[in-house]
């Protein structure tokens, strides 16, 4: 069971415990693509019909599904997502010439 003070590392560990199928790499990637499609449909619904509580809930759930399968893929390749996020964000700081002060996280 996940706790409210969730970290990326804790979520990744939880997903590995409940859904780890390294032998199904392609299927997991295809599932991620499916979930991104479902998220896109919900955003299109919002653009067409306006934001309702139901659409917002659906977007929230689809975002989790996307995060779930991103974590699943990271687990298949034994990638620490917290480390990857910090590394890539640092690269993007340089690439996009972001100027951040230490106090402005």
PDB file of N, CA and C in Angstrom:
ATOM      1  N   UNK A   1       0.841  -1.187   0.000  1.00  0.00           N
ATOM      2  CA  UNK A   1       0.000   0.000   0.000  1.00  0.00           C
ATOM      3  C   UNK A   1       0.885   1.249   0.000  1.00  0.00           C
ATOM      4  N   UNK A   2       0.573   2.172  -0.869  1.00  0.00           N
ATOM      5  CA  UNK A   2       1.336   3.410  -0.963  1.00  0.00           C
ATOM      6  C   UNK A   2       0.930   4.372   0.148  1.00  0.00           C
ATOM      7  N   UNK A   3       1.876   5.208   0.553  1.00  0.00           N
ATOM      8  CA  UNK A   3       1.636   6.184   1.613  1.00  0.00           C
ATOM      9  C   UNK A   3       1.496   7.580   1.003  1.00  0.00           C
ATOM     10  N   UNK A   4       0.771   8.474   1.674  1.00  0.00           N
ATOM     11  CA  UNK A   4       0.581   9.839   1.150  1.00  0.00           C
ATOM     12  C   UNK A   4       1.886  10.599   0.922  1.00  0.00           C
ATOM     13  N   UNK A   5       2.927  10.307   1.687  1.00  0.00           N
ATOM     14  CA  UNK A   5       4.212  10.991   1.498  1.00  0.00           C
ATOM     15  C   UNK A   5       5.047  10.255   0.457  1.00  0.00           C
ATOM     16  N   UNK A   6       4.470  10.026  -0.661  1.00  0.00           N
ATOM     17  CA  UNK A   6       5.035   9.220  -1.736  1.00  0.00           C
ATOM     18  C   UNK A   6       6.239   9.890  -2.391  1.00  0.00           C
ATOM     19  N   UNK A   7       7.260   9.102  -2.645  1.00  0.00           N
ATOM     20  CA  UNK A   7       8.397   9.559  -3.437  1.00  0.00           C
ATOM     21  C   UNK A   7       8.384   8.798  -4.758  1.00  0.00           C
ATOM     22  N   UNK A   8       9.120   9.302  -5.705  1.00  0.00           N
ATOM     23  CA  UNK A   8       9.233   8.598  -6.987  1.00  0.00           C
ATOM     24  C   UNK A   8       9.840   7.217  -6.766  1.00  0.00           C
ATOM     25  N   UNK A   9      10.858   7.160  -5.931  1.00  0.00           N
ATOM     26  CA  UNK A   9      11.523   5.882  -5.668  1.00  0.00           C
ATOM     27  C   UNK A   9      10.549   4.877  -5.034  1.00  0.00           C
ATOM     28  N   UNK A  10       9.715   5.342  -4.100  1.00  0.00           N
ATOM     29  CA  UNK A  10       8.737   4.452  -3.454  1.00  0.00           C
ATOM     30  C   UNK A  10       7.700   3.978  -4.461  1.00  0.00           C
ATOM     31  N   UNK A  11       7.257   4.868  -5.336  1.00  0.00           N
ATOM     32  CA  UNK A  11       6.295   4.462  -6.359  1.00  0.00           C
ATOM     33  C   UNK A  11       6.909   3.430  -7.292  1.00  0.00           C
ATOM     34  N   UNK A  12       8.142   3.658  -7.705  1.00  0.00           N
ATOM     35  CA  UNK A  12       8.808   2.719  -8.603  1.00  0.00           C
ATOM     36  C   UNK A  12       8.943   1.347  -7.939  1.00  0.00           C
ATOM     37  N   UNK A  13       9.292   1.330  -6.672  1.00  0.00           N
ATOM     38  CA  UNK A  13       9.410   0.066  -5.939  1.00  0.00           C
ATOM     39  C   UNK A  13       8.056  -0.633  -5.845  1.00  0.00           C
ATOM     40  N   UNK A  14       7.013   0.132  -5.535  1.00  0.00           N
ATOM     41  CA  UNK A  14       5.662  -0.434  -5.442  1.00  0.00           C
ATOM     42  C   UNK A  14       5.234  -1.060  -6.773  1.00  0.00           C
ATOM     43  N   UNK A  15       5.454  -0.342  -7.862  1.00  0.00           N
ATOM     44  CA  UNK A  15       5.051  -0.863  -9.172  1.00  0.00           C
ATOM     45  C   UNK A  15       5.839  -2.114  -9.511  1.00  0.00           C
ATOM     46  N   UNK A  16       7.098  -2.160  -9.136  1.00  0.00           N
ATOM     47  CA  UNK A  16       7.890  -3.371  -9.378  1.00  0.00           C
ATOM     48  C   UNK A  16       7.325  -4.557  -8.592  1.00  0.00           C
ATOM     49  N   UNK A  17       6.826  -4.284  -7.394  1.00  0.00           N
ATOM     50  CA  UNK A  17       6.255  -5.358  -6.571  1.00  0.00           C
ATOM     51  C   UNK A  17       4.926  -5.864  -7.119  1.00  0.00           C
ATOM     52  N   UNK A  18       4.122  -4.978  -7.686  1.00  0.00           N
ATOM     53  CA  UNK A  18       2.785  -5.387  -8.131  1.00  0.00           C
ATOM     54  C   UNK A  18       2.692  -5.688  -9.621  1.00  0.00           C
ATOM     55  N   UNK A  19       3.657  -5.205 -10.408  1.00  0.00           N
ATOM     56  CA  UNK A  19       3.546  -5.364 -11.862  1.00  0.00           C
ATOM     57  C   UNK A  19       4.934  -5.317 -12.490  1.00  0.00           C
ATOM     58  N   UNK A  20       5.613  -6.447 -12.478  1.00  0.00           N
ATOM     59  CA  UNK A  20       6.955  -6.509 -13.072  1.00  0.00           C
ATOM     60  C   UNK A  20       6.993  -7.678 -14.042  1.00  0.00           C
ATOM     61  N   UNK A  21       7.034  -7.342 -15.333  1.00  0.00           N
ATOM     62  CA  UNK A  21       7.028  -8.363 -16.372  1.00  0.00           C
ATOM     63  C   UNK A  21       8.092  -8.036 -17.421  1.00  0.00           C
ATOM     64  N   UNK A  22       9.357  -8.222 -17.061  1.00  0.00           N
ATOM     65  CA  UNK A  22      10.425  -7.852 -17.996  1.00  0.00           C
ATOM     66  C   UNK A  22      10.390  -8.635 -19.309  1.00  0.00           C
ATOM     67  N   UNK A  23       9.770  -9.794 -19.289  1.00  0.00           N
ATOM     68  CA  UNK A  23       9.677 -10.589 -20.518  1.00  0.00           C
ATOM     69  C   UNK A  23       8.662 -10.006 -21.509  1.00  0.00           C
ATOM     70  N   UNK A  24       7.901  -8.981 -21.078  1.00  0.00           N
ATOM     71  CA  UNK A  24       6.867  -8.387 -21.931  1.00  0.00           C
ATOM     72  C   UNK A  24       7.196  -6.930 -22.269  1.00  0.00           C
ATOM     73  N   UNK A  25       8.443  -6.667 -22.594  1.00  0.00           N
ATOM     74  CA  UNK A  25       8.879  -5.291 -22.873  1.00  0.00           C
ATOM     75  C   UNK A  25       8.001  -4.601 -23.907  1.00  0.00           C
ATOM     76  N   UNK A  26       7.815  -5.243 -25.042  1.00  0.00           N
ATOM     77  CA  UNK A  26       7.054  -4.617 -26.117  1.00  0.00           C
ATOM     78  C   UNK A  26       5.613  -4.370 -25.686  1.00  0.00           C
ATOM     79  N   UNK A  27       4.993  -5.332 -25.019  1.00  0.00           N
ATOM     80  CA  UNK A  27       3.615  -5.173 -24.579  1.00  0.00           C
ATOM     81  C   UNK A  27       3.477  -4.013 -23.593  1.00  0.00           C
ATOM     82  N   UNK A  28       4.477  -3.850 -22.723  1.00  0.00           N
ATOM     83  CA  UNK A  28       4.443  -2.760 -21.737  1.00  0.00           C
ATOM     84  C   UNK A  28       4.561  -1.409 -22.451  1.00  0.00           C
ATOM     85  N   UNK A  29       5.434  -1.318 -23.432  1.00  0.00           N
ATOM     86  CA  UNK A  29       5.565  -0.074 -24.198  1.00  0.00           C
ATOM     87  C   UNK A  29       4.274   0.214 -24.957  1.00  0.00           C
ATOM     88  N   UNK A  30       3.682  -0.807 -25.545  1.00  0.00           N
ATOM     89  CA  UNK A  30       2.418  -0.615 -26.257  1.00  0.00           C
ATOM     90  C   UNK A  30       1.311  -0.180 -25.300  1.00  0.00           C
ATOM     91  N   UNK A  31       1.324  -0.713 -24.091  1.00  0.00           N
ATOM     92  CA  UNK A  31       0.338  -0.313 -23.089  1.00  0.00           C
ATOM     93  C   UNK A  31       0.539   1.156 -22.708  1.00  0.00           C
ATOM     94  N   UNK A  32       1.789   1.598 -22.588  1.00  0.00           N
ATOM     95  CA  UNK A  32       2.063   3.002 -22.330  1.00  0.00           C
ATOM     96  C   UNK A  32       1.480   3.872 -23.444  1.00  0.00           C
ATOM     97  N   UNK A  33       1.689   3.471 -24.670  1.00  0.00           N
ATOM     98  CA  UNK A  33       1.153   4.223 -25.807  1.00  0.00           C
ATOM     99  C   UNK A  33      -0.370   4.261 -25.767  1.00  0.00           C
ATOM    100  N   UNK A  34      -0.985   3.155 -25.404  1.00  0.00           N
ATOM    101  CA  UNK A  34      -2.447   3.096 -25.274  1.00  0.00           C
ATOM    102  C   UNK A  34      -2.926   4.086 -24.213  1.00  0.00           C
ATOM    103  N   UNK A  35      -2.233   4.114 -23.075  1.00  0.00           N
ATOM    104  CA  UNK A  35      -2.626   5.011 -21.988  1.00  0.00           C
ATOM    105  C   UNK A  35      -2.434   6.472 -22.382  1.00  0.00           C
ATOM    106  N   UNK A  36      -1.390   6.777 -23.139  1.00  0.00           N
ATOM    107  CA  UNK A  36      -1.192   8.143 -23.623  1.00  0.00           C
ATOM    108  C   UNK A  36      -2.338   8.521 -24.565  1.00  0.00           C
ATOM    109  N   UNK A  37      -2.765   7.571 -25.378  1.00  0.00           N
ATOM    110  CA  UNK A  37      -3.916   7.804 -26.249  1.00  0.00           C
ATOM    111  C   UNK A  37      -5.182   8.095 -25.456  1.00  0.00           C
ATOM    112  N   UNK A  38      -5.408   7.340 -24.376  1.00  0.00           N
ATOM    113  CA  UNK A  38      -6.578   7.567 -23.533  1.00  0.00           C
ATOM    114  C   UNK A  38      -6.503   8.922 -22.842  1.00  0.00           C
ATOM    115  N   UNK A  39      -5.317   9.324 -22.412  1.00  0.00           N
ATOM    116  CA  UNK A  39      -5.136  10.650 -21.824  1.00  0.00           C
ATOM    117  C   UNK A  39      -5.456  11.726 -22.859  1.00  0.00           C
ATOM    118  N   UNK A  40      -4.981  11.537 -24.074  1.00  0.00           N
ATOM    119  CA  UNK A  40      -5.263  12.488 -25.152  1.00  0.00           C
ATOM    120  C   UNK A  40      -6.758  12.599 -25.420  1.00  0.00           C
ATOM    121  N   UNK A  41      -7.459  11.479 -25.378  1.00  0.00           N
ATOM    122  CA  UNK A  41      -8.918  11.494 -25.577  1.00  0.00           C
ATOM    123  C   UNK A  41      -9.609  12.315 -24.494  1.00  0.00           C
ATOM    124  N   UNK A  42      -9.172  12.158 -23.261  1.00  0.00           N
ATOM    125  CA  UNK A  42      -9.790  12.910 -22.164  1.00  0.00           C
ATOM    126  C   UNK A  42      -9.506  14.407 -22.291  1.00  0.00           C
ATOM    127  N   UNK A  43      -8.304  14.754 -22.700  1.00  0.00           N
ATOM    128  CA  UNK A  43      -7.985  16.170 -22.903  1.00  0.00           C
ATOM    129  C   UNK A  43      -8.802  16.721 -24.063  1.00  0.00           C
ATOM    130  N   UNK A  44      -8.976  15.937 -25.105  1.00  0.00           N
ATOM    131  CA  UNK A  44      -9.840  16.347 -26.219  1.00  0.00           C
ATOM    132  C   UNK A  44     -11.277  16.524 -25.745  1.00  0.00           C
ATOM    133  N   UNK A  45     -11.758  15.632 -24.879  1.00  0.00           N
ATOM    134  CA  UNK A  45     -13.111  15.771 -24.313  1.00  0.00           C
ATOM    135  C   UNK A  45     -13.229  17.093 -23.564  1.00  0.00           C
ATOM    136  N   UNK A  46     -12.205  17.442 -22.798  1.00  0.00           N
ATOM    137  CA  UNK A  46     -12.228  18.705 -22.053  1.00  0.00           C
ATOM    138  C   UNK A  46     -12.260  19.887 -23.008  1.00  0.00           C
ATOM    139  N   UNK A  47     -11.488  19.817 -24.076  1.00  0.00           N
ATOM    140  CA  UNK A  47     -11.472  20.914 -25.041  1.00  0.00           C
ATOM    141  C   UNK A  47     -12.806  21.036 -25.770  1.00  0.00           C
ATOM    142  N   UNK A  48     -13.481  19.911 -25.972  1.00  0.00           N
ATOM    143  CA  UNK A  48     -14.754  19.895 -26.683  1.00  0.00           C
ATOM    144  C   UNK A  48     -15.928  20.250 -25.779  1.00  0.00           C
ATOM    145  N   UNK A  49     -15.945  19.699 -24.572  1.00  0.00           N
ATOM    146  CA  UNK A  49     -17.120  19.810 -23.694  1.00  0.00           C
ATOM    147  C   UNK A  49     -16.898  20.688 -22.471  1.00  0.00           C
ATOM    148  N   UNK A  50     -15.690  21.129 -22.252  1.00  0.00           N
ATOM    149  CA  UNK A  50     -15.384  21.882 -21.042  1.00  0.00           C
ATOM    150  C   UNK A  50     -14.958  20.931 -19.939  1.00  0.00           C
ATOM    151  N   UNK A  51     -14.325  21.492 -18.938  1.00  0.00           N
ATOM    152  CA  UNK A  51     -13.810  20.670 -17.844  1.00  0.00           C
ATOM    153  C   UNK A  51     -14.923  20.370 -16.847  1.00  0.00           C
ATOM    154  N   UNK A  52     -15.253  19.107 -16.734  1.00  0.00           N
ATOM    155  CA  UNK A  52     -16.215  18.658 -15.736  1.00  0.00           C
ATOM    156  C   UNK A  52     -15.460  17.871 -14.677  1.00  0.00           C
ATOM    157  N   UNK A  53     -16.119  17.615 -13.559  1.00  0.00           N
ATOM    158  CA  UNK A  53     -15.486  16.804 -12.515  1.00  0.00           C
ATOM    159  C   UNK A  53     -15.127  15.428 -13.049  1.00  0.00           C
ATOM    160  N   UNK A  54     -16.014  14.843 -13.858  1.00  0.00           N
ATOM    161  CA  UNK A  54     -15.765  13.503 -14.412  1.00  0.00           C
ATOM    162  C   UNK A  54     -14.558  13.509 -15.339  1.00  0.00           C
ATOM    163  N   UNK A  55     -14.483  14.493 -16.209  1.00  0.00           N
ATOM    164  CA  UNK A  55     -13.343  14.571 -17.133  1.00  0.00           C
ATOM    165  C   UNK A  55     -12.051  14.793 -16.351  1.00  0.00           C
ATOM    166  N   UNK A  56     -12.081  15.658 -15.340  1.00  0.00           N
ATOM    167  CA  UNK A  56     -10.878  15.902 -14.535  1.00  0.00           C
ATOM    168  C   UNK A  56     -10.443  14.622 -13.822  1.00  0.00           C
ATOM    169  N   UNK A  57     -11.403  13.862 -13.293  1.00  0.00           N
ATOM    170  CA  UNK A  57     -11.082  12.582 -12.645  1.00  0.00           C
ATOM    171  C   UNK A  57     -10.491  11.614 -13.654  1.00  0.00           C
ATOM    172  N   UNK A  58     -11.063  11.561 -14.844  1.00  0.00           N
ATOM    173  CA  UNK A  58     -10.538  10.676 -15.887  1.00  0.00           C
ATOM    174  C   UNK A  58      -9.114  11.065 -16.273  1.00  0.00           C
ATOM    175  N   UNK A  59      -8.845  12.377 -16.397  1.00  0.00           N
ATOM    176  CA  UNK A  59      -7.493  12.839 -16.709  1.00  0.00           C
ATOM    177  C   UNK A  59      -6.536  12.413 -15.600  1.00  0.00           C
ATOM    178  N   UNK A  60      -6.964  12.603 -14.352  1.00  0.00           N
ATOM    179  CA  UNK A  60      -6.135  12.217 -13.203  1.00  0.00           C
ATOM    180  C   UNK A  60      -5.789  10.732 -13.256  1.00  0.00           C
ATOM    181  N   UNK A  61      -6.777   9.900 -13.557  1.00  0.00           N
ATOM    182  CA  UNK A  61      -6.544   8.454 -13.596  1.00  0.00           C
ATOM    183  C   UNK A  61      -5.669   8.057 -14.775  1.00  0.00           C
ATOM    184  N   UNK A  62      -5.863   8.696 -15.915  1.00  0.00           N
ATOM    185  CA  UNK A  62      -5.025   8.387 -17.080  1.00  0.00           C
ATOM    186  C   UNK A  62      -3.585   8.829 -16.843  1.00  0.00           C
ATOM    187  N   UNK A  63      -3.385   9.961 -16.155  1.00  0.00           N
ATOM    188  CA  UNK A  63      -2.026  10.383 -15.818  1.00  0.00           C
ATOM    189  C   UNK A  63      -1.341   9.333 -14.952  1.00  0.00           C
ATOM    190  N   UNK A  64      -2.085   8.793 -13.991  1.00  0.00           N
ATOM    191  CA  UNK A  64      -1.479   7.728 -13.176  1.00  0.00           C
ATOM    192  C   UNK A  64      -1.109   6.534 -14.044  1.00  0.00           C
ATOM    193  N   UNK A  65      -2.008   6.136 -14.942  1.00  0.00           N
ATOM    194  CA  UNK A  65      -1.709   4.982 -15.798  1.00  0.00           C
ATOM    195  C   UNK A  65      -0.437   5.205 -16.601  1.00  0.00           C
ATOM    196  N   UNK A  66      -0.250   6.423 -17.121  1.00  0.00           N
ATOM    197  CA  UNK A  66       0.972   6.753 -17.868  1.00  0.00           C
ATOM    198  C   UNK A  66       2.186   6.628 -16.945  1.00  0.00           C
ATOM    199  N   UNK A  67       2.084   7.205 -15.748  1.00  0.00           N
ATOM    200  CA  UNK A  67       3.186   7.125 -14.790  1.00  0.00           C
ATOM    201  C   UNK A  67       3.485   5.674 -14.428  1.00  0.00           C
ATOM    202  N   UNK A  68       2.432   4.874 -14.279  1.00  0.00           N
ATOM    203  CA  UNK A  68       2.615   3.459 -13.946  1.00  0.00           C
ATOM    204  C   UNK A  68       3.479   2.765 -14.995  1.00  0.00           C
ATOM    205  N   UNK A  69       3.127   2.936 -16.254  1.00  0.00           N
ATOM    206  CA  UNK A  69       3.858   2.212 -17.295  1.00  0.00           C
ATOM    207  C   UNK A  69       5.242   2.799 -17.558  1.00  0.00           C
ATOM    208  N   UNK A  70       5.444   4.096 -17.319  1.00  0.00           N
ATOM    209  CA  UNK A  70       6.795   4.656 -17.385  1.00  0.00           C
ATOM    210  C   UNK A  70       7.662   4.004 -16.304  1.00  0.00           C
ATOM    211  N   UNK A  71       7.108   3.883 -15.107  1.00  0.00           N
ATOM    212  CA  UNK A  71       7.837   3.211 -14.021  1.00  0.00           C
ATOM    213  C   UNK A  71       8.102   1.754 -14.354  1.00  0.00           C
ATOM    214  N   UNK A  72       7.122   1.092 -14.928  1.00  0.00           N
ATOM    215  CA  UNK A  72       7.282  -0.323 -15.290  1.00  0.00           C
ATOM    216  C   UNK A  72       8.440  -0.486 -16.275  1.00  0.00           C
ATOM    217  N   UNK A  73       8.504   0.392 -17.259  1.00  0.00           N
ATOM    218  CA  UNK A  73       9.597   0.329 -18.244  1.00  0.00           C
ATOM    219  C   UNK A  73      10.933   0.602 -17.558  1.00  0.00           C
ATOM    220  N   UNK A  74      10.972   1.588 -16.679  1.00  0.00           N
ATOM    221  CA  UNK A  74      12.212   1.871 -15.944  1.00  0.00           C
ATOM    222  C   UNK A  74      12.649   0.648 -15.149  1.00  0.00           C
ATOM    223  N   UNK A  75      11.698  -0.033 -14.526  1.00  0.00           N
ATOM    224  CA  UNK A  75      12.028  -1.240 -13.763  1.00  0.00           C
ATOM    225  C   UNK A  75      12.572  -2.348 -14.652  1.00  0.00           C
ATOM    226  N   UNK A  76      12.001  -2.508 -15.819  1.00  0.00           N
ATOM    227  CA  UNK A  76      12.487  -3.532 -16.750  1.00  0.00           C
ATOM    228  C   UNK A  76      13.969  -3.311 -17.059  1.00  0.00           C
ATOM    229  N   UNK A  77      14.362  -2.053 -17.204  1.00  0.00           N
ATOM    230  CA  UNK A  77      15.743  -1.719 -17.564  1.00  0.00           C
ATOM    231  C   UNK A  77      16.598  -1.346 -16.356  1.00  0.00           C
ATOM    232  N   UNK A  78      16.056  -1.550 -15.159  1.00  0.00           N
ATOM    233  CA  UNK A  78      16.771  -1.267 -13.915  1.00  0.00           C
ATOM    234  C   UNK A  78      17.298   0.174 -13.901  1.00  0.00           C
ATOM    235  N   UNK A  79      16.402   1.109 -14.216  1.00  0.00           N
ATOM    236  CA  UNK A  79      16.721   2.534 -14.225  1.00  0.00           C
ATOM    237  C   UNK A  79      16.058   3.181 -13.019  1.00  0.00           C
ATOM    238  N   UNK A  80      16.837   3.883 -12.227  1.00  0.00           N
ATOM    239  CA  UNK A  80      16.339   4.626 -11.085  1.00  0.00           C
ATOM    240  C   UNK A  80      15.778   5.948 -11.623  1.00  0.00           C
ATOM    241  N   UNK A  81      14.456   6.091 -11.567  1.00  0.00           N
ATOM    242  CA  UNK A  81      13.837   7.279 -12.148  1.00  0.00           C
ATOM    243  C   UNK A  81      14.197   8.562 -11.408  1.00  0.00           C
ATOM    244  N   UNK A  82      14.352   8.508 -10.095  1.00  0.00           N
ATOM    245  CA  UNK A  82      14.769   9.719  -9.379  1.00  0.00           C
ATOM    246  C   UNK A  82      16.120  10.196  -9.912  1.00  0.00           C
ATOM    247  N   UNK A  83      17.048   9.280 -10.064  1.00  0.00           N
ATOM    248  CA  UNK A  83      18.366   9.617 -10.602  1.00  0.00           C
ATOM    249  C   UNK A  83      18.248  10.137 -12.038  1.00  0.00           C
ATOM    250  N   UNK A  84      17.428   9.489 -12.849  1.00  0.00           N
ATOM    251  CA  UNK A  84      17.253   9.891 -14.241  1.00  0.00           C
ATOM    252  C   UNK A  84      16.661  11.298 -14.346  1.00  0.00           C
ATOM    253  N   UNK A  85      15.697  11.604 -13.471  1.00  0.00           N
ATOM    254  CA  UNK A  85      15.064  12.918 -13.485  1.00  0.00           C
ATOM    255  C   UNK A  85      16.083  14.000 -13.149  1.00  0.00           C
ATOM    256  N   UNK A  86      16.854  13.774 -12.100  1.00  0.00           N
ATOM    257  CA  UNK A  86      17.855  14.766 -11.706  1.00  0.00           C
ATOM    258  C   UNK A  86      18.915  14.957 -12.789  1.00  0.00           C
ATOM    259  N   UNK A  87      19.359  13.856 -13.371  1.00  0.00           N
ATOM    260  CA  UNK A  87      20.377  13.912 -14.424  1.00  0.00           C
ATOM    261  C   UNK A  87      19.867  14.666 -15.642  1.00  0.00           C
ATOM    262  N   UNK A  88      18.667  14.302 -16.096  1.00  0.00           N
ATOM    263  CA  UNK A  88      18.128  14.912 -17.317  1.00  0.00           C
ATOM    264  C   UNK A  88      17.750  16.373 -17.089  1.00  0.00           C
ATOM    265  N   UNK A  89      17.260  16.700 -15.889  1.00  0.00           N
ATOM    266  CA  UNK A  89      16.923  18.087 -15.604  1.00  0.00           C
ATOM    267  C   UNK A  89      18.181  18.956 -15.632  1.00  0.00           C
ATOM    268  N   UNK A  90      19.287  18.419 -15.133  1.00  0.00           N
ATOM    269  CA  UNK A  90      20.552  19.139 -15.173  1.00  0.00           C
ATOM    270  C   UNK A  90      21.002  19.359 -16.617  1.00  0.00           C
ATOM    271  N   UNK A  91      20.852  18.347 -17.442  1.00  0.00           N
ATOM    272  CA  UNK A  91      21.183  18.470 -18.870  1.00  0.00           C
ATOM    273  C   UNK A  91      20.304  19.540 -19.514  1.00  0.00           C
ATOM    274  N   UNK A  92      19.003  19.533 -19.171  1.00  0.00           N
ATOM    275  CA  UNK A  92      18.086  20.513 -19.755  1.00  0.00           C
ATOM    276  C   UNK A  92      18.394  21.932 -19.291  1.00  0.00           C
ATOM    277  N   UNK A  93      18.897  22.078 -18.065  1.00  0.00           N
ATOM    278  CA  UNK A  93      19.321  23.406 -17.602  1.00  0.00           C
ATOM    279  C   UNK A  93      20.356  23.990 -18.551  1.00  0.00           C
ATOM    280  N   UNK A  94      21.299  23.164 -18.946  1.00  0.00           N
ATOM    281  CA  UNK A  94      22.356  23.610 -19.857  1.00  0.00           C
ATOM    282  C   UNK A  94      21.801  23.786 -21.270  1.00  0.00           C
ATOM    283  N   UNK A  95      21.067  22.802 -21.733  1.00  0.00           N
ATOM    284  CA  UNK A  95      20.536  22.819 -23.100  1.00  0.00           C
ATOM    285  C   UNK A  95      19.641  24.031 -23.348  1.00  0.00           C
ATOM    286  N   UNK A  96      18.780  24.344 -22.379  1.00  0.00           N
ATOM    287  CA  UNK A  96      17.819  25.427 -22.559  1.00  0.00           C
ATOM    288  C   UNK A  96      18.238  26.704 -21.831  1.00  0.00           C
ATOM    289  N   UNK A  97      19.507  26.705 -21.400  1.00  0.00           N
ATOM    290  CA  UNK A  97      20.101  27.877 -20.747  1.00  0.00           C
ATOM    291  C   UNK A  97      19.215  28.403 -19.617  1.00  0.00           C
ATOM    292  N   UNK A  98      18.713  27.462 -18.819  1.00  0.00           N
ATOM    293  CA  UNK A  98      17.910  27.846 -17.654  1.00  0.00           C
ATOM    294  C   UNK A  98      18.855  28.340 -16.577  1.00  0.00           C
ATOM    295  N   UNK A  99      18.534  29.441 -16.014  1.00  0.00           N
ATOM    296  CA  UNK A  99      19.370  30.029 -14.971  1.00  0.00           C
ATOM    297  C   UNK A  99      18.588  29.998 -13.676  1.00  0.00           C
ATOM    298  N   UNK A 100      18.891  29.049 -12.814  1.00  0.00           N
ATOM    299  CA  UNK A 100      18.188  28.895 -11.552  1.00  0.00           C
ATOM    300  C   UNK A 100      19.128  29.221 -10.410  1.00  0.00           C
ATOM    301  N   UNK A 101      18.590  29.870  -9.411  1.00  0.00           N
ATOM    302  CA  UNK A 101      19.382  30.075  -8.207  1.00  0.00           C
ATOM    303  C   UNK A 101      19.163  28.879  -7.292  1.00  0.00           C
ATOM    304  N   UNK A 102      20.055  28.663  -6.366  1.00  0.00           N
ATOM    305  CA  UNK A 102      19.953  27.533  -5.432  1.00  0.00           C
ATOM    306  C   UNK A 102      18.684  27.600  -4.604  1.00  0.00           C
ATOM    307  N   UNK A 103      18.182  28.785  -4.320  1.00  0.00           N
ATOM    308  CA  UNK A 103      16.989  28.951  -3.483  1.00  0.00           C
ATOM    309  C   UNK A 103      15.703  28.881  -4.283  1.00  0.00           C
ATOM    310  N   UNK A 104      15.791  28.759  -5.581  1.00  0.00           N
ATOM    311  CA  UNK A 104      14.620  28.760  -6.438  1.00  0.00           C
ATOM    312  C   UNK A 104      14.402  27.392  -7.035  1.00  0.00           C
ATOM    313  N   UNK A 105      14.031  26.421  -6.200  1.00  0.00           N
ATOM    314  CA  UNK A 105      13.818  25.046  -6.661  1.00  0.00           C
ATOM    315  C   UNK A 105      12.511  25.010  -7.343  1.00  0.00           C
TER     316      UNK A 105
END
